[in-house]
């Protein structure tokens, strides 16, 4: 497989991931963080960093709009629920383990 085709496939998969996350608004960011150690906001940060590395002007809010398919404030109002005590406990346990192991 040549490099161009490889990049096109990666881009198609990324677009499909974004579409999937935009369609499944019932999946909360905290759930993603607990299960996969990343969430929509992480994707937005990575997107903005990649743009900056290439000399492009795309701030975090702009990257969030790409990832969420709408401004983050709007998504948050429509879809973000309150974290449950169980979710908060799981997140705190993950953060403790990361700190103990020296991970960011």
N, C-alpha and C. Protein backbone atom coordinates (compact mmCIF):
# COMPACT_ATOMS: atom_id res chain seq x y z
N UNK A 1 0.85 -1.17 0.00
CA UNK A 1 0.00 0.00 0.00
C UNK A 1 0.90 1.23 0.00
N UNK A 2 0.58 2.19 -0.87
CA UNK A 2 1.41 3.39 -0.91
C UNK A 2 0.98 4.36 0.20
N UNK A 3 1.84 5.35 0.46
CA UNK A 3 1.61 6.28 1.56
C UNK A 3 0.32 7.07 1.39
N UNK A 4 0.04 7.50 0.17
CA UNK A 4 -1.17 8.28 -0.08
C UNK A 4 -2.43 7.49 0.26
N UNK A 5 -2.48 6.25 -0.17
CA UNK A 5 -3.63 5.39 0.12
C UNK A 5 -3.74 5.14 1.62
N UNK A 6 -2.61 4.93 2.26
CA UNK A 6 -2.59 4.72 3.71
C UNK A 6 -3.19 5.93 4.44
N UNK A 7 -2.80 7.13 4.06
CA UNK A 7 -3.32 8.35 4.67
C UNK A 7 -4.82 8.50 4.40
N UNK A 8 -5.25 8.19 3.18
CA UNK A 8 -6.67 8.27 2.84
C UNK A 8 -7.50 7.31 3.70
N UNK A 9 -6.98 6.12 3.91
CA UNK A 9 -7.70 5.14 4.75
C UNK A 9 -7.77 5.61 6.19
N UNK A 10 -6.66 6.12 6.72
CA UNK A 10 -6.67 6.64 8.08
C UNK A 10 -7.67 7.78 8.23
N UNK A 11 -7.70 8.67 7.25
CA UNK A 11 -8.64 9.79 7.29
C UNK A 11 -10.08 9.29 7.25
N UNK A 12 -10.35 8.29 6.43
CA UNK A 12 -11.71 7.74 6.34
C UNK A 12 -12.12 7.11 7.67
N UNK A 13 -11.20 6.40 8.29
CA UNK A 13 -11.50 5.77 9.58
C UNK A 13 -11.73 6.83 10.64
N UNK A 14 -10.93 7.90 10.64
CA UNK A 14 -11.11 8.97 11.61
C UNK A 14 -12.45 9.65 11.42
N UNK A 15 -12.82 9.92 10.17
CA UNK A 15 -14.13 10.53 9.91
C UNK A 15 -15.25 9.63 10.41
N UNK A 16 -15.09 8.33 10.22
CA UNK A 16 -16.11 7.40 10.69
C UNK A 16 -16.18 7.38 12.21
N UNK A 17 -15.03 7.45 12.88
CA UNK A 17 -15.01 7.52 14.34
C UNK A 17 -15.73 8.77 14.82
N UNK A 18 -15.43 9.93 14.22
CA UNK A 18 -16.11 11.16 14.61
C UNK A 18 -17.62 11.04 14.40
N UNK A 19 -18.01 10.51 13.27
CA UNK A 19 -19.44 10.34 12.97
C UNK A 19 -20.08 9.43 14.01
N UNK A 20 -19.41 8.35 14.35
CA UNK A 20 -19.92 7.41 15.34
C UNK A 20 -20.11 8.09 16.69
N UNK A 21 -19.12 8.87 17.12
CA UNK A 21 -19.21 9.57 18.40
C UNK A 21 -20.31 10.64 18.36
N UNK A 22 -20.47 11.30 17.21
CA UNK A 22 -21.52 12.31 17.09
C UNK A 22 -22.91 11.68 17.12
N UNK A 23 -23.04 10.48 16.58
CA UNK A 23 -24.33 9.79 16.59
C UNK A 23 -24.66 9.19 17.95
N UNK A 24 -23.64 8.83 18.71
CA UNK A 24 -23.85 8.16 20.00
C UNK A 24 -23.62 9.13 21.15
N UNK A 25 -24.51 10.10 21.21
CA UNK A 25 -24.40 11.12 22.25
C UNK A 25 -24.71 10.57 23.64
N UNK A 26 -25.29 9.38 23.68
CA UNK A 26 -25.56 8.76 24.99
C UNK A 26 -24.27 8.32 25.67
N UNK A 27 -23.22 8.16 24.90
CA UNK A 27 -21.93 7.79 25.46
C UNK A 27 -21.27 9.06 25.99
N UNK A 28 -21.15 9.13 27.28
CA UNK A 28 -20.59 10.31 27.93
C UNK A 28 -19.06 10.28 27.87
N UNK A 29 -18.47 11.46 27.89
CA UNK A 29 -17.01 11.56 27.87
C UNK A 29 -16.38 10.83 29.05
N UNK A 30 -17.01 10.92 30.21
CA UNK A 30 -16.43 10.24 31.38
C UNK A 30 -16.40 8.73 31.16
N UNK A 31 -17.41 8.19 30.48
CA UNK A 31 -17.41 6.76 30.17
C UNK A 31 -16.24 6.41 29.25
N UNK A 32 -16.02 7.25 28.25
CA UNK A 32 -14.88 7.03 27.35
C UNK A 32 -13.57 7.09 28.11
N UNK A 33 -13.43 8.06 28.99
CA UNK A 33 -12.20 8.19 29.78
C UNK A 33 -11.98 6.97 30.66
N UNK A 34 -13.03 6.48 31.28
CA UNK A 34 -12.91 5.32 32.15
C UNK A 34 -12.51 4.08 31.36
N UNK A 35 -13.14 3.90 30.22
CA UNK A 35 -12.91 2.69 29.44
C UNK A 35 -11.69 2.74 28.53
N UNK A 36 -11.40 3.91 27.96
CA UNK A 36 -10.38 3.99 26.92
C UNK A 36 -9.28 5.01 27.18
N UNK A 37 -9.38 5.75 28.26
CA UNK A 37 -8.39 6.78 28.61
C UNK A 37 -8.30 7.91 27.59
N UNK A 38 -9.37 8.14 26.85
CA UNK A 38 -9.48 9.30 25.97
C UNK A 38 -10.96 9.60 25.77
N UNK A 39 -11.25 10.84 25.36
CA UNK A 39 -12.63 11.22 25.11
C UNK A 39 -12.68 12.18 23.93
N UNK A 40 -13.83 12.73 23.68
CA UNK A 40 -13.99 13.68 22.58
C UNK A 40 -13.08 14.90 22.77
N UNK A 41 -12.94 15.35 24.02
CA UNK A 41 -12.07 16.51 24.26
C UNK A 41 -10.61 16.18 23.97
N UNK A 42 -10.19 14.96 24.27
CA UNK A 42 -8.83 14.54 23.93
C UNK A 42 -8.64 14.60 22.41
N UNK A 43 -9.60 14.08 21.67
CA UNK A 43 -9.51 14.13 20.21
C UNK A 43 -9.40 15.57 19.72
N UNK A 44 -10.17 16.47 20.33
CA UNK A 44 -10.11 17.88 19.94
C UNK A 44 -8.74 18.47 20.24
N UNK A 45 -8.17 18.14 21.39
CA UNK A 45 -6.82 18.62 21.73
C UNK A 45 -5.80 18.10 20.73
N UNK A 46 -5.88 16.82 20.40
CA UNK A 46 -4.95 16.23 19.44
C UNK A 46 -5.12 16.88 18.06
N UNK A 47 -6.34 17.16 17.69
CA UNK A 47 -6.64 17.78 16.40
C UNK A 47 -6.02 19.18 16.35
N UNK A 48 -6.21 19.96 17.40
CA UNK A 48 -5.66 21.32 17.46
C UNK A 48 -4.13 21.29 17.46
N UNK A 49 -3.55 20.33 18.19
CA UNK A 49 -2.09 20.20 18.22
C UNK A 49 -1.54 19.84 16.83
N UNK A 50 -2.21 18.94 16.14
CA UNK A 50 -1.77 18.54 14.80
C UNK A 50 -1.84 19.73 13.84
N UNK A 51 -2.88 20.53 13.97
CA UNK A 51 -3.00 21.72 13.12
C UNK A 51 -1.87 22.69 13.42
N UNK A 52 -1.60 22.92 14.70
CA UNK A 52 -0.53 23.84 15.09
C UNK A 52 0.83 23.36 14.57
N UNK A 53 1.08 22.06 14.66
CA UNK A 53 2.34 21.49 14.17
C UNK A 53 2.53 21.75 12.68
N UNK A 54 1.43 21.92 11.97
CA UNK A 54 1.49 22.16 10.52
C UNK A 54 1.34 23.63 10.17
N UNK A 55 1.41 24.48 11.20
CA UNK A 55 1.34 25.92 10.98
C UNK A 55 -0.05 26.44 10.67
N UNK A 56 -1.07 25.68 11.03
CA UNK A 56 -2.45 26.08 10.77
C UNK A 56 -3.06 26.69 12.02
N UNK A 57 -3.94 27.64 11.82
CA UNK A 57 -4.62 28.28 12.95
C UNK A 57 -5.94 27.57 13.21
N UNK A 58 -5.95 26.78 14.24
CA UNK A 58 -7.16 26.11 14.69
C UNK A 58 -7.07 26.00 16.20
N UNK A 59 -7.90 26.76 16.88
CA UNK A 59 -7.85 26.71 18.34
C UNK A 59 -8.65 25.51 18.85
N UNK A 60 -8.55 25.31 20.15
CA UNK A 60 -9.21 24.17 20.80
C UNK A 60 -10.73 24.20 20.59
N UNK A 61 -11.35 25.37 20.71
CA UNK A 61 -12.79 25.48 20.50
C UNK A 61 -13.18 25.09 19.08
N UNK A 62 -12.37 25.51 18.11
CA UNK A 62 -12.63 25.14 16.72
C UNK A 62 -12.48 23.64 16.50
N UNK A 63 -11.49 23.05 17.14
CA UNK A 63 -11.29 21.61 17.04
C UNK A 63 -12.44 20.86 17.73
N UNK A 64 -12.91 21.40 18.85
CA UNK A 64 -14.06 20.77 19.52
C UNK A 64 -15.28 20.78 18.62
N UNK A 65 -15.48 21.87 17.90
CA UNK A 65 -16.64 21.95 17.01
C UNK A 65 -16.55 20.89 15.91
N UNK A 66 -15.35 20.62 15.42
CA UNK A 66 -15.16 19.58 14.41
C UNK A 66 -15.48 18.21 15.02
N UNK A 67 -14.94 17.95 16.20
CA UNK A 67 -15.13 16.65 16.83
C UNK A 67 -16.57 16.42 17.26
N UNK A 68 -17.19 17.42 17.88
CA UNK A 68 -18.55 17.27 18.38
C UNK A 68 -19.61 17.47 17.30
N UNK A 69 -19.24 18.10 16.19
CA UNK A 69 -20.21 18.37 15.13
C UNK A 69 -21.06 19.58 15.43
N UNK A 70 -20.70 20.33 16.46
CA UNK A 70 -21.40 21.54 16.89
C UNK A 70 -20.52 22.19 17.95
N UNK A 71 -20.80 23.44 18.31
CA UNK A 71 -20.03 24.04 19.39
C UNK A 71 -20.15 23.20 20.67
N UNK A 72 -19.06 23.08 21.41
CA UNK A 72 -19.05 22.25 22.61
C UNK A 72 -20.12 22.68 23.60
N UNK A 73 -20.30 23.98 23.79
CA UNK A 73 -21.31 24.47 24.74
C UNK A 73 -22.69 23.93 24.37
N UNK A 74 -23.00 23.93 23.10
CA UNK A 74 -24.29 23.43 22.63
C UNK A 74 -24.41 21.93 22.88
N UNK A 75 -23.35 21.16 22.58
CA UNK A 75 -23.37 19.72 22.81
C UNK A 75 -23.57 19.43 24.29
N UNK A 76 -22.83 20.16 25.11
CA UNK A 76 -22.88 19.96 26.56
C UNK A 76 -24.31 20.19 27.09
N UNK A 77 -24.94 21.27 26.62
CA UNK A 77 -26.32 21.56 27.05
C UNK A 77 -27.30 20.47 26.62
N UNK A 78 -27.11 19.95 25.42
CA UNK A 78 -28.05 18.96 24.88
C UNK A 78 -27.83 17.56 25.43
N UNK A 79 -26.56 17.15 25.58
CA UNK A 79 -26.28 15.73 25.77
C UNK A 79 -25.51 15.36 27.04
N UNK A 80 -24.79 16.27 27.62
CA UNK A 80 -23.97 15.87 28.76
C UNK A 80 -24.79 15.76 30.02
N UNK A 81 -24.73 14.60 30.61
CA UNK A 81 -25.44 14.38 31.87
C UNK A 81 -24.51 14.56 33.05
N UNK A 82 -25.10 14.55 34.23
CA UNK A 82 -24.31 14.62 35.46
C UNK A 82 -23.59 13.29 35.65
N UNK A 83 -22.35 13.36 36.05
CA UNK A 83 -21.60 12.14 36.35
C UNK A 83 -22.19 11.49 37.59
N UNK A 84 -22.31 10.19 37.55
CA UNK A 84 -22.82 9.46 38.70
C UNK A 84 -21.70 9.27 39.73
N UNK A 85 -22.06 9.00 40.96
CA UNK A 85 -21.03 8.72 41.96
C UNK A 85 -20.10 7.57 41.54
N UNK A 86 -20.67 6.56 40.91
CA UNK A 86 -19.87 5.42 40.44
C UNK A 86 -18.87 5.86 39.37
N UNK A 87 -19.30 6.70 38.43
CA UNK A 87 -18.40 7.20 37.39
C UNK A 87 -17.28 8.05 38.01
N UNK A 88 -17.65 8.92 38.93
CA UNK A 88 -16.65 9.78 39.58
C UNK A 88 -15.64 8.94 40.37
N UNK A 89 -16.12 7.93 41.04
CA UNK A 89 -15.23 7.04 41.79
C UNK A 89 -14.27 6.31 40.85
N UNK A 90 -14.77 5.81 39.74
CA UNK A 90 -13.92 5.12 38.77
C UNK A 90 -12.89 6.07 38.18
N UNK A 91 -13.29 7.29 37.89
CA UNK A 91 -12.37 8.28 37.33
C UNK A 91 -11.29 8.64 38.34
N UNK A 92 -11.66 8.80 39.60
CA UNK A 92 -10.69 9.11 40.64
C UNK A 92 -9.69 7.97 40.82
N UNK A 93 -10.16 6.74 40.74
CA UNK A 93 -9.27 5.58 40.85
C UNK A 93 -8.27 5.55 39.71
N UNK A 94 -8.72 5.86 38.50
CA UNK A 94 -7.82 5.90 37.34
C UNK A 94 -6.78 6.99 37.52
N UNK A 95 -7.22 8.16 37.97
CA UNK A 95 -6.27 9.27 38.17
C UNK A 95 -5.25 8.94 39.26
N UNK A 96 -5.67 8.26 40.33
CA UNK A 96 -4.73 7.84 41.38
C UNK A 96 -3.69 6.88 40.82
N UNK A 97 -4.15 5.90 40.03
CA UNK A 97 -3.21 4.92 39.44
C UNK A 97 -2.21 5.61 38.52
N UNK A 98 -2.68 6.57 37.74
CA UNK A 98 -1.78 7.31 36.85
C UNK A 98 -0.74 8.08 37.64
N UNK A 99 -1.17 8.75 38.69
CA UNK A 99 -0.24 9.51 39.51
C UNK A 99 0.79 8.60 40.16
N UNK A 100 0.34 7.47 40.66
CA UNK A 100 1.24 6.52 41.31
C UNK A 100 2.27 5.96 40.35
N UNK A 101 1.87 5.81 39.09
CA UNK A 101 2.80 5.26 38.09
C UNK A 101 3.58 6.34 37.35
N UNK A 102 3.30 7.62 37.68
CA UNK A 102 4.02 8.72 37.05
C UNK A 102 3.51 9.11 35.67
N UNK A 103 2.34 8.62 35.29
CA UNK A 103 1.75 8.98 34.00
C UNK A 103 1.04 10.31 34.11
N UNK A 104 1.00 11.05 32.99
CA UNK A 104 0.27 12.33 33.00
C UNK A 104 -1.23 12.16 33.09
